[in-house]
């Protein structure tokens, strides 16, 4: 005899749930992130606070001159973007060491 197997409603629900999870996880994460052009626009904008306009630096255009050494540590460097905004870069290894005076000194790459 030809018997047809019937699926349990719980098994059917689990199969549908797993299918949805597979489809959602296959969508690249970039589709959910902001467009990089929008981020660049926000980074280089100026904010109006009262009567004065504050201009912010783009984090990609930051040089060593904008580094705030008093707020930098052994494994991170903090930069001033203007308008009370800070930008920190964290490193996986120490880039500075404390000398005999307790001041942070950059490692000499030479």
N, C-alpha and C. Protein backbone atom coordinates (compact mmCIF):
# COMPACT_ATOMS: atom_id res chain seq x y z
N UNK A 1 0.82 -1.18 0.00
CA UNK A 1 0.00 0.00 0.00
C UNK A 1 0.87 1.26 0.00
N UNK A 2 0.35 2.20 -0.65
CA UNK A 2 1.03 3.47 -0.76
C UNK A 2 0.50 4.41 0.32
N UNK A 3 1.30 4.59 1.35
CA UNK A 3 0.87 5.48 2.41
C UNK A 3 1.60 6.81 2.26
N UNK A 4 0.85 7.83 2.40
CA UNK A 4 1.44 9.17 2.30
C UNK A 4 1.81 9.63 3.71
N UNK A 5 3.09 10.07 3.85
CA UNK A 5 3.53 10.55 5.15
C UNK A 5 3.05 11.99 5.34
N UNK A 6 2.48 12.24 6.46
CA UNK A 6 2.01 13.59 6.76
C UNK A 6 2.99 14.25 7.72
N UNK A 7 3.23 15.51 7.48
CA UNK A 7 4.15 16.25 8.34
C UNK A 7 3.41 16.74 9.58
N UNK A 8 4.09 16.65 10.64
CA UNK A 8 3.60 17.17 11.90
C UNK A 8 3.57 18.70 11.79
N UNK A 9 2.56 19.39 12.31
CA UNK A 9 2.52 20.86 12.22
C UNK A 9 3.74 21.52 12.87
N UNK A 10 4.27 20.90 13.90
CA UNK A 10 5.46 21.46 14.55
C UNK A 10 6.66 21.37 13.61
N UNK A 11 6.80 20.25 12.91
CA UNK A 11 7.90 20.09 11.96
C UNK A 11 7.77 21.08 10.81
N UNK A 12 6.56 21.31 10.37
CA UNK A 12 6.33 22.26 9.28
C UNK A 12 6.69 23.68 9.73
N UNK A 13 6.33 24.04 10.95
CA UNK A 13 6.65 25.36 11.48
C UNK A 13 8.16 25.54 11.61
N UNK A 14 8.84 24.52 12.10
CA UNK A 14 10.29 24.59 12.24
C UNK A 14 10.96 24.71 10.87
N UNK A 15 10.45 23.98 9.88
CA UNK A 15 11.02 24.05 8.53
C UNK A 15 10.86 25.44 7.94
N UNK A 16 9.71 26.06 8.14
CA UNK A 16 9.47 27.41 7.63
C UNK A 16 10.38 28.41 8.35
N UNK A 17 10.50 28.26 9.67
CA UNK A 17 11.34 29.16 10.45
C UNK A 17 12.81 29.06 10.01
N UNK A 18 13.29 27.85 9.80
CA UNK A 18 14.67 27.68 9.35
C UNK A 18 14.88 28.24 7.94
N UNK A 19 13.88 28.12 7.10
CA UNK A 19 13.98 28.69 5.75
C UNK A 19 14.07 30.21 5.80
N UNK A 20 13.27 30.82 6.66
CA UNK A 20 13.31 32.28 6.81
C UNK A 20 14.67 32.71 7.35
N UNK A 21 15.20 31.99 8.33
CA UNK A 21 16.52 32.32 8.89
C UNK A 21 17.61 32.22 7.82
N UNK A 22 17.52 31.21 6.97
CA UNK A 22 18.50 31.04 5.91
C UNK A 22 18.45 32.20 4.92
N UNK A 23 17.26 32.63 4.56
CA UNK A 23 17.12 33.74 3.61
C UNK A 23 17.63 35.04 4.23
N UNK A 24 17.29 35.29 5.48
CA UNK A 24 17.71 36.52 6.14
C UNK A 24 19.22 36.56 6.32
N UNK A 25 19.83 35.44 6.67
CA UNK A 25 21.27 35.43 6.87
C UNK A 25 22.03 35.51 5.55
N UNK A 26 21.39 35.21 4.44
CA UNK A 26 22.05 35.28 3.14
C UNK A 26 22.11 36.71 2.61
N UNK A 27 21.29 37.61 3.15
CA UNK A 27 21.31 39.01 2.72
C UNK A 27 22.58 39.65 3.27
N UNK A 28 23.37 40.29 2.44
CA UNK A 28 24.62 40.88 2.94
C UNK A 28 24.36 41.99 3.96
N UNK A 29 25.26 42.11 4.91
CA UNK A 29 25.12 43.11 5.96
C UNK A 29 25.22 44.52 5.40
N UNK A 30 25.85 44.67 4.26
CA UNK A 30 25.99 46.01 3.67
C UNK A 30 24.64 46.59 3.27
N UNK A 31 23.67 45.74 3.03
CA UNK A 31 22.35 46.23 2.66
C UNK A 31 21.69 46.95 3.83
N UNK A 32 22.06 46.58 5.05
CA UNK A 32 21.47 47.20 6.23
C UNK A 32 22.26 48.43 6.69
N UNK A 33 23.49 48.56 6.28
CA UNK A 33 24.34 49.67 6.71
C UNK A 33 24.02 50.93 5.92
N UNK A 34 24.42 52.06 6.49
CA UNK A 34 24.27 53.33 5.78
C UNK A 34 25.15 53.33 4.54
N UNK A 35 24.73 54.06 3.56
CA UNK A 35 25.53 54.21 2.36
C UNK A 35 26.79 54.99 2.72
N UNK A 36 27.93 54.58 2.20
CA UNK A 36 29.19 55.22 2.56
C UNK A 36 29.21 56.69 2.13
N UNK A 37 28.52 57.03 1.06
CA UNK A 37 28.45 58.43 0.64
C UNK A 37 27.72 59.28 1.68
N UNK A 38 26.69 58.71 2.28
CA UNK A 38 25.96 59.44 3.32
C UNK A 38 26.86 59.65 4.54
N UNK A 39 27.68 58.66 4.88
CA UNK A 39 28.58 58.81 6.01
C UNK A 39 29.62 59.88 5.74
N UNK A 40 30.13 59.95 4.51
CA UNK A 40 31.12 60.96 4.18
C UNK A 40 30.51 62.35 4.25
N UNK A 41 29.25 62.48 3.85
CA UNK A 41 28.58 63.78 3.93
C UNK A 41 28.44 64.22 5.37
N UNK A 42 28.08 63.27 6.24
CA UNK A 42 27.91 63.61 7.66
C UNK A 42 29.23 63.97 8.31
N UNK A 43 30.32 63.32 7.90
CA UNK A 43 31.61 63.55 8.54
C UNK A 43 32.15 64.94 8.23
N UNK A 44 31.89 65.46 7.06
CA UNK A 44 32.44 66.75 6.67
C UNK A 44 31.47 67.90 6.79
N UNK A 45 30.42 67.77 7.56
CA UNK A 45 29.41 68.82 7.66
C UNK A 45 29.75 69.79 8.77
N UNK A 46 29.01 70.85 8.80
CA UNK A 46 29.15 71.81 9.89
C UNK A 46 27.82 71.90 10.62
N UNK A 47 27.90 72.05 11.92
CA UNK A 47 26.70 72.12 12.75
C UNK A 47 26.48 73.56 13.19
N UNK A 48 25.25 73.98 13.18
CA UNK A 48 24.92 75.33 13.62
C UNK A 48 24.45 75.27 15.07
N UNK A 49 25.21 75.92 15.93
CA UNK A 49 24.82 76.02 17.33
C UNK A 49 24.73 77.50 17.65
N UNK A 50 23.54 78.00 17.75
CA UNK A 50 23.35 79.41 18.00
C UNK A 50 23.69 80.23 16.78
N UNK A 51 24.57 81.21 16.94
CA UNK A 51 24.91 82.08 15.82
C UNK A 51 26.20 81.67 15.12
N UNK A 52 26.95 80.72 15.67
CA UNK A 52 28.22 80.34 15.06
C UNK A 52 28.13 78.96 14.44
N UNK A 53 28.88 78.76 13.40
CA UNK A 53 28.91 77.46 12.72
C UNK A 53 30.21 76.76 13.08
N UNK A 54 30.10 75.48 13.43
CA UNK A 54 31.27 74.68 13.78
C UNK A 54 31.57 73.76 12.61
N UNK A 55 32.79 73.80 12.14
CA UNK A 55 33.19 72.94 11.03
C UNK A 55 33.97 71.76 11.58
N UNK A 56 33.57 70.57 11.16
CA UNK A 56 34.23 69.35 11.61
C UNK A 56 35.16 68.84 10.53
N UNK A 57 36.26 68.23 10.95
CA UNK A 57 37.18 67.59 10.02
C UNK A 57 36.66 66.22 9.65
N UNK A 58 36.97 65.79 8.47
CA UNK A 58 36.67 64.43 8.05
C UNK A 58 37.72 63.52 8.69
N UNK A 59 37.33 62.42 9.37
CA UNK A 59 38.31 61.54 10.03
C UNK A 59 39.38 61.01 9.08
N UNK A 60 39.08 60.92 7.79
CA UNK A 60 40.09 60.44 6.84
C UNK A 60 41.15 61.49 6.57
N UNK A 61 40.86 62.76 6.85
CA UNK A 61 41.79 63.85 6.57
C UNK A 61 42.59 64.28 7.79
N UNK A 62 42.51 63.55 8.89
CA UNK A 62 43.18 63.91 10.12
C UNK A 62 44.68 63.62 9.99
N UNK A 63 45.50 64.57 10.45
CA UNK A 63 46.96 64.39 10.44
C UNK A 63 47.46 64.28 11.87
N UNK A 64 48.75 64.02 12.01
CA UNK A 64 49.34 63.90 13.35
C UNK A 64 49.30 65.22 14.11
N UNK A 65 49.16 66.34 13.41
CA UNK A 65 49.12 67.64 14.07
C UNK A 65 47.87 67.81 14.93
N UNK A 66 46.78 67.13 14.56
CA UNK A 66 45.54 67.23 15.32
C UNK A 66 45.49 66.26 16.50
N UNK A 67 46.54 65.49 16.71
CA UNK A 67 46.55 64.50 17.79
C UNK A 67 46.55 65.21 19.14
N UNK A 68 45.76 64.70 20.06
CA UNK A 68 45.71 65.23 21.42
C UNK A 68 46.51 64.26 22.28
N UNK A 69 47.74 64.60 22.56
CA UNK A 69 48.61 63.67 23.28
C UNK A 69 48.18 63.50 24.73
N UNK A 70 47.54 64.51 25.32
CA UNK A 70 47.11 64.38 26.71
C UNK A 70 45.96 63.39 26.86
N UNK A 71 45.21 63.13 25.78
CA UNK A 71 44.11 62.18 25.83
C UNK A 71 44.45 60.87 25.13
N UNK A 72 45.71 60.70 24.71
CA UNK A 72 46.13 59.47 24.05
C UNK A 72 46.77 58.54 25.06
N UNK A 73 46.68 57.25 24.79
CA UNK A 73 47.25 56.26 25.70
C UNK A 73 48.30 55.42 25.02
N UNK A 74 48.67 54.31 25.67
CA UNK A 74 49.70 53.44 25.12
C UNK A 74 49.24 52.74 23.85
N UNK A 75 47.93 52.44 23.76
CA UNK A 75 47.45 51.67 22.60
C UNK A 75 46.35 52.40 21.82
N UNK A 76 46.22 53.70 21.99
CA UNK A 76 45.25 54.47 21.21
C UNK A 76 45.73 55.91 21.04
N UNK A 77 45.24 56.54 19.99
CA UNK A 77 45.54 57.94 19.70
C UNK A 77 44.23 58.67 19.50
N UNK A 78 44.09 59.82 20.13
CA UNK A 78 42.87 60.62 20.03
C UNK A 78 43.17 61.88 19.23
N UNK A 79 42.27 62.21 18.30
CA UNK A 79 42.42 63.39 17.46
C UNK A 79 41.27 64.34 17.72
N UNK A 80 41.53 65.64 17.54
CA UNK A 80 40.52 66.68 17.69
C UNK A 80 39.93 66.97 16.32
N UNK A 81 38.60 66.77 16.18
CA UNK A 81 37.92 67.05 14.92
C UNK A 81 37.30 68.43 14.90
N UNK A 82 37.36 69.14 16.01
CA UNK A 82 36.75 70.46 16.09
C UNK A 82 35.34 70.37 16.64
N UNK A 83 34.88 71.41 17.26
CA UNK A 83 33.53 71.45 17.80
C UNK A 83 33.29 70.42 18.88
N UNK A 84 34.27 70.20 19.75
CA UNK A 84 34.18 69.27 20.87
C UNK A 84 33.99 67.82 20.43
N UNK A 85 34.38 67.50 19.20
CA UNK A 85 34.32 66.12 18.73
C UNK A 85 35.71 65.52 18.75
N UNK A 86 35.77 64.27 19.18
CA UNK A 86 37.03 63.54 19.25
C UNK A 86 36.94 62.31 18.36
N UNK A 87 38.09 61.87 17.86
CA UNK A 87 38.19 60.68 17.02
C UNK A 87 39.36 59.86 17.55
N UNK A 88 39.11 58.64 17.98
CA UNK A 88 40.15 57.79 18.55
C UNK A 88 40.42 56.60 17.65
N UNK A 89 41.70 56.27 17.52
CA UNK A 89 42.12 55.08 16.79
C UNK A 89 42.74 54.14 17.81
N UNK A 90 42.23 52.92 17.89
CA UNK A 90 42.73 51.93 18.82
C UNK A 90 43.59 50.93 18.07
N UNK A 91 44.75 50.58 18.64
CA UNK A 91 45.68 49.65 18.03
C UNK A 91 45.68 48.35 18.82
N UNK A 92 46.05 47.25 18.17
CA UNK A 92 46.08 45.96 18.85
C UNK A 92 47.32 45.81 19.73
N UNK A 93 48.36 46.57 19.43
CA UNK A 93 49.58 46.54 20.22
C UNK A 93 49.89 47.96 20.69
N UNK A 94 50.75 48.06 21.68
CA UNK A 94 51.13 49.37 22.18
C UNK A 94 51.95 50.12 21.14
N UNK A 95 51.65 51.41 20.96
CA UNK A 95 52.40 52.26 20.04
C UNK A 95 53.23 53.29 20.81
N UNK A 96 53.05 53.34 22.12
CA UNK A 96 53.80 54.24 22.98
C UNK A 96 54.22 53.50 24.24
N UNK A 97 55.22 54.02 24.91
CA UNK A 97 55.64 53.46 26.19
C UNK A 97 55.89 54.62 27.15
N UNK A 98 55.83 54.32 28.43
CA UNK A 98 56.09 55.34 29.45
C UNK A 98 57.59 55.36 29.73
N UNK A 99 58.16 56.57 29.65
CA UNK A 99 59.59 56.69 29.93
C UNK A 99 59.81 56.87 31.43
N UNK A 100 61.05 57.20 31.82
CA UNK A 100 61.39 57.32 33.24
C UNK A 100 60.59 58.43 33.93
N UNK A 101 60.20 59.45 33.19
CA UNK A 101 59.44 60.56 33.75
C UNK A 101 57.95 60.29 33.81
N UNK A 102 57.51 59.15 33.28
CA UNK A 102 56.09 58.82 33.27
C UNK A 102 55.34 59.39 32.09
N UNK A 103 56.08 59.99 31.14
CA UNK A 103 55.45 60.55 29.95
C UNK A 103 55.41 59.50 28.85
N UNK A 104 54.37 59.57 28.01
CA UNK A 104 54.24 58.63 26.90
C UNK A 104 55.13 59.06 25.75
N UNK A 105 55.91 58.12 25.22
CA UNK A 105 56.81 58.36 24.10
C UNK A 105 56.49 57.38 23.00
N UNK A 106 56.41 57.87 21.76
CA UNK A 106 56.13 56.99 20.63
C UNK A 106 57.30 56.06 20.40
N UNK A 107 56.98 54.82 20.00
CA UNK A 107 58.04 53.90 19.60
C UNK A 107 58.68 54.41 18.33
N UNK A 108 60.00 54.30 18.24
CA UNK A 108 60.72 54.75 17.05
C UNK A 108 60.68 53.65 16.00
N UNK A 109 59.99 53.89 14.86
CA UNK A 109 59.87 52.84 13.85
C UNK A 109 61.15 52.61 13.06
N UNK A 110 62.16 53.48 13.23
CA UNK A 110 63.40 53.36 12.43
C UNK A 110 64.30 52.27 12.97
